[in-house]
Amino acid sequence: MIILNSVDELLAHIKDVQLDVINLSNESLLKMSDFIEKNSIEIDDDLSTALQYQDIITQQLTASIEAIESTQQSMQRFNYAYASNEDLATQSMKKLQDNLKVTLEDAKEKKKRFSGKTSNDDVEADEIEFF
């Protein structure tokens, strides 16, 4: 279907942009780490939180990429089914809808798990630690 092909192309573009942002974020983190090491800067709580936020951003973008890939796979199955059998296509569209619901719920759950803390009470109660 033409509309699904257009959506697939848009999702592929969004995924590529997110991959570029992840790469820039990783490069930025490496440069900051090198700067901290070269200048023997002690990492305080604010800097530690900022570094954790950068990691959270990368995790969120990765979760979005996973959702995009799942959606693209479902659309590809639908396109194949539609081309070969209309009844199968209808069943495939139902499966696509179900898969999209699961993908959305998974993405929401990942957002909850990796969301940044906005208040001092939240940070103290559930602080992210580096290993």
C-alpha atoms as a PDB file:
ATOM      1  CA  MET A   1       0.000   0.000   0.000  1.00  0.00           C
ATOM      2  CA  ILE A   2       1.301   3.415  -0.946  1.00  0.00           C
ATOM      3  CA  ILE A   3       0.367   5.102   2.348  1.00  0.00           C
ATOM      4  CA  LEU A   4       2.207   2.479   4.417  1.00  0.00           C
ATOM      5  CA  ASN A   5       5.256   2.843   2.186  1.00  0.00           C
ATOM      6  CA  SER A   6       5.251   6.584   2.891  1.00  0.00           C
ATOM      7  CA  VAL A   7       4.904   5.970   6.622  1.00  0.00           C
ATOM      8  CA  ASP A   8       7.740   3.440   6.440  1.00  0.00           C
ATOM      9  CA  GLU A   9       9.990   5.984   4.704  1.00  0.00           C
ATOM     10  CA  LEU A  10       9.151   8.595   7.349  1.00  0.00           C
ATOM     11  CA  LEU A  11       9.880   6.146  10.171  1.00  0.00           C
ATOM     12  CA  ALA A  12      13.180   5.177   8.530  1.00  0.00           C
ATOM     13  CA  HIS A  13      14.157   8.853   8.374  1.00  0.00           C
ATOM     14  CA  ILE A  14      13.234   9.416  12.037  1.00  0.00           C
ATOM     15  CA  LYS A  15      15.246   6.331  13.008  1.00  0.00           C
ATOM     16  CA  ASP A  16      18.285   7.608  11.076  1.00  0.00           C
ATOM     17  CA  VAL A  17      18.049  11.007  12.798  1.00  0.00           C
ATOM     18  CA  GLN A  18      17.807   9.340  16.195  1.00  0.00           C
ATOM     19  CA  LEU A  19      20.860   7.205  15.444  1.00  0.00           C
ATOM     20  CA  ASP A  20      22.756  10.371  14.487  1.00  0.00           C
ATOM     21  CA  VAL A  21      21.705  12.033  17.755  1.00  0.00           C
ATOM     22  CA  ILE A  22      22.819   8.960  19.747  1.00  0.00           C
ATOM     23  CA  ASN A  23      26.219   9.104  18.031  1.00  0.00           C
ATOM     24  CA  LEU A  24      26.539  12.835  18.762  1.00  0.00           C
ATOM     25  CA  SER A  25      25.530  12.261  22.374  1.00  0.00           C
ATOM     26  CA  ASN A  26      28.128   9.506  22.770  1.00  0.00           C
ATOM     27  CA  GLU A  27      30.811  11.666  21.155  1.00  0.00           C
ATOM     28  CA  SER A  28      29.854  14.564  23.438  1.00  0.00           C
ATOM     29  CA  LEU A  29      30.052  12.322  26.496  1.00  0.00           C
ATOM     30  CA  LEU A  30      33.519  11.119  25.489  1.00  0.00           C
ATOM     31  CA  LYS A  31      34.735  14.688  24.994  1.00  0.00           C
ATOM     32  CA  MET A  32      33.355  15.745  28.378  1.00  0.00           C
ATOM     33  CA  SER A  33      34.979  12.726  30.038  1.00  0.00           C
ATOM     34  CA  ASP A  34      38.325  13.549  28.402  1.00  0.00           C
ATOM     35  CA  PHE A  35      38.028  17.176  29.555  1.00  0.00           C
ATOM     36  CA  ILE A  36      37.192  16.122  33.113  1.00  0.00           C
ATOM     37  CA  GLU A  37      40.130  13.710  33.176  1.00  0.00           C
ATOM     38  CA  LYS A  38      42.665  16.121  31.602  1.00  0.00           C
ATOM     39  CA  ASN A  39      41.733  18.894  34.028  1.00  0.00           C
ATOM     40  CA  SER A  40      41.439  16.613  37.061  1.00  0.00           C
ATOM     41  CA  ILE A  41      37.940  17.919  37.741  1.00  0.00           C
ATOM     42  CA  GLU A  42      36.106  16.342  40.642  1.00  0.00           C
ATOM     43  CA  ILE A  43      32.645  15.145  39.712  1.00  0.00           C
ATOM     44  CA  ASP A  44      30.037  16.717  41.985  1.00  0.00           C
ATOM     45  CA  ASP A  45      26.369  15.776  42.291  1.00  0.00           C
ATOM     46  CA  ASP A  46      25.242  18.230  39.602  1.00  0.00           C
ATOM     47  CA  LEU A  47      27.773  16.972  37.060  1.00  0.00           C
ATOM     48  CA  SER A  48      26.959  13.378  37.921  1.00  0.00           C
ATOM     49  CA  THR A  49      23.264  14.072  37.354  1.00  0.00           C
ATOM     50  CA  ALA A  50      24.004  15.775  34.025  1.00  0.00           C
ATOM     51  CA  LEU A  51      26.008  12.758  32.860  1.00  0.00           C
ATOM     52  CA  GLN A  52      23.203  10.444  33.951  1.00  0.00           C
ATOM     53  CA  TYR A  53      20.681  12.529  32.004  1.00  0.00           C
ATOM     54  CA  GLN A  54      22.789  12.168  28.880  1.00  0.00           C
ATOM     55  CA  ASP A  55      22.697   8.400  29.318  1.00  0.00           C
ATOM     56  CA  ILE A  56      18.920   8.523  29.828  1.00  0.00           C
ATOM     57  CA  ILE A  57      18.535  10.490  26.580  1.00  0.00           C
ATOM     58  CA  THR A  58      20.423   7.784  24.715  1.00  0.00           C
ATOM     59  CA  GLN A  59      18.299   5.065  26.318  1.00  0.00           C
ATOM     60  CA  GLN A  60      15.081   6.858  25.351  1.00  0.00           C
ATOM     61  CA  LEU A  61      16.213   7.291  21.753  1.00  0.00           C
ATOM     62  CA  THR A  62      17.143   3.609  21.626  1.00  0.00           C
ATOM     63  CA  ALA A  63      13.694   2.663  22.950  1.00  0.00           C
ATOM     64  CA  SER A  64      12.111   4.849  20.236  1.00  0.00           C
ATOM     65  CA  ILE A  65      14.214   3.126  17.589  1.00  0.00           C
ATOM     66  CA  GLU A  66      13.030  -0.268  18.862  1.00  0.00           C
ATOM     67  CA  ALA A  67       9.412   0.907  18.605  1.00  0.00           C
ATOM     68  CA  ILE A  68      10.005   2.156  15.065  1.00  0.00           C
ATOM     69  CA  GLU A  69      11.592  -1.139  14.021  1.00  0.00           C
ATOM     70  CA  SER A  70       8.692  -3.126  15.471  1.00  0.00           C
ATOM     71  CA  THR A  71       6.203  -0.925  13.629  1.00  0.00           C
ATOM     72  CA  GLN A  72       8.111  -1.249  10.360  1.00  0.00           C
ATOM     73  CA  GLN A  73       8.175  -5.048  10.659  1.00  0.00           C
ATOM     74  CA  SER A  74       4.433  -5.142  11.266  1.00  0.00           C
ATOM     75  CA  MET A  75       3.781  -2.880   8.266  1.00  0.00           C
ATOM     76  CA  GLN A  76       5.972  -5.072   6.059  1.00  0.00           C
ATOM     77  CA  ARG A  77       3.974  -8.151   7.077  1.00  0.00           C
ATOM     78  CA  PHE A  78       0.736  -6.300   6.319  1.00  0.00           C
ATOM     79  CA  ASN A  79       1.983  -5.169   2.893  1.00  0.00           C
ATOM     80  CA  TYR A  80       2.948  -8.737   2.036  1.00  0.00           C
ATOM     81  CA  ALA A  81      -0.407 -10.096   3.207  1.00  0.00           C
ATOM     82  CA  TYR A  82      -2.345  -7.392   1.380  1.00  0.00           C
ATOM     83  CA  ALA A  83      -0.600  -8.163  -1.878  1.00  0.00           C
ATOM     84  CA  SER A  84      -1.446 -11.871  -1.688  1.00  0.00           C
ATOM     85  CA  ASN A  85      -4.846 -12.147   0.010  1.00  0.00           C
ATOM     86  CA  GLU A  86      -7.389  -9.564   1.138  1.00  0.00           C
ATOM     87  CA  ASP A  87      -8.739 -11.702   4.032  1.00  0.00           C
ATOM     88  CA  LEU A  88      -5.212 -12.340   5.211  1.00  0.00           C
ATOM     89  CA  ALA A  89      -4.577  -8.612   4.907  1.00  0.00           C
ATOM     90  CA  THR A  90      -7.518  -7.867   7.195  1.00  0.00           C
ATOM     91  CA  GLN A  91      -6.168 -10.313   9.777  1.00  0.00           C
ATOM     92  CA  SER A  92      -2.721  -8.809   9.361  1.00  0.00           C
ATOM     93  CA  MET A  93      -4.095  -5.298   9.929  1.00  0.00           C
ATOM     94  CA  LYS A  94      -5.637  -6.506  13.195  1.00  0.00           C
ATOM     95  CA  LYS A  95      -2.289  -7.983  14.220  1.00  0.00           C
ATOM     96  CA  LEU A  96      -0.602  -4.719  13.232  1.00  0.00           C
ATOM     97  CA  GLN A  97      -2.988  -2.816  15.471  1.00  0.00           C
ATOM     98  CA  ASP A  98      -2.357  -5.236  18.356  1.00  0.00           C
ATOM     99  CA  ASN A  99       1.412  -5.034  17.852  1.00  0.00           C
ATOM    100  CA  LEU A 100       1.297  -1.249  17.816  1.00  0.00           C
ATOM    101  CA  LYS A 101      -0.579  -1.272  21.132  1.00  0.00           C
ATOM    102  CA  VAL A 102       2.040  -3.570  22.668  1.00  0.00           C
ATOM    103  CA  THR A 103       4.862  -1.439  21.240  1.00  0.00           C
ATOM    104  CA  LEU A 104       3.293   1.722  22.656  1.00  0.00           C
ATOM    105  CA  GLU A 105       2.862   0.185  26.093  1.00  0.00           C
ATOM    106  CA  ASP A 106       6.467  -1.080  26.025  1.00  0.00           C
ATOM    107  CA  ALA A 107       7.717   2.374  25.042  1.00  0.00           C
ATOM    108  CA  LYS A 108       5.672   3.998  27.830  1.00  0.00           C
ATOM    109  CA  GLU A 109       7.071   1.525  30.357  1.00  0.00           C
ATOM    110  CA  LYS A 110      10.648   2.230  29.234  1.00  0.00           C
ATOM    111  CA  LYS A 111       9.983   5.946  29.558  1.00  0.00           C
ATOM    112  CA  LYS A 112       8.790   5.455  33.113  1.00  0.00           C
ATOM    113  CA  ARG A 113      11.834   3.366  34.017  1.00  0.00           C
ATOM    114  CA  PHE A 114      14.369   5.790  32.591  1.00  0.00           C
ATOM    115  CA  SER A 115      12.691   9.121  33.159  1.00  0.00           C
ATOM    116  CA  GLY A 116      14.829  11.802  34.794  1.00  0.00           C
ATOM    117  CA  LYS A 117      14.020  12.977  38.267  1.00  0.00           C
ATOM    118  CA  THR A 118      12.827  16.571  38.579  1.00  0.00           C
ATOM    119  CA  SER A 119      12.848  17.201  42.316  1.00  0.00           C
ATOM    120  CA  ASN A 120      15.436  16.676  45.030  1.00  0.00           C
ATOM    121  CA  ASP A 121      13.119  14.278  46.875  1.00  0.00           C
ATOM    122  CA  ASP A 122      12.828  12.107  43.756  1.00  0.00           C
ATOM    123  CA  VAL A 123      16.596  12.081  43.261  1.00  0.00           C
ATOM    124  CA  GLU A 124      17.289  11.027  46.835  1.00  0.00           C
ATOM    125  CA  ALA A 125      14.617   8.325  46.797  1.00  0.00           C
ATOM    126  CA  ASP A 126      15.507   6.747  43.453  1.00  0.00           C
ATOM    127  CA  GLU A 127      18.920   7.887  42.312  1.00  0.00           C
ATOM    128  CA  ILE A 128      20.515   6.250  39.294  1.00  0.00           C
ATOM    129  CA  GLU A 129      23.936   4.824  40.026  1.00  0.00           C
ATOM    130  CA  PHE A 130      26.866   4.177  37.719  1.00  0.00           C
ATOM    131  CA  PHE A 131      28.414   0.718  37.793  1.00  0.00           C
END
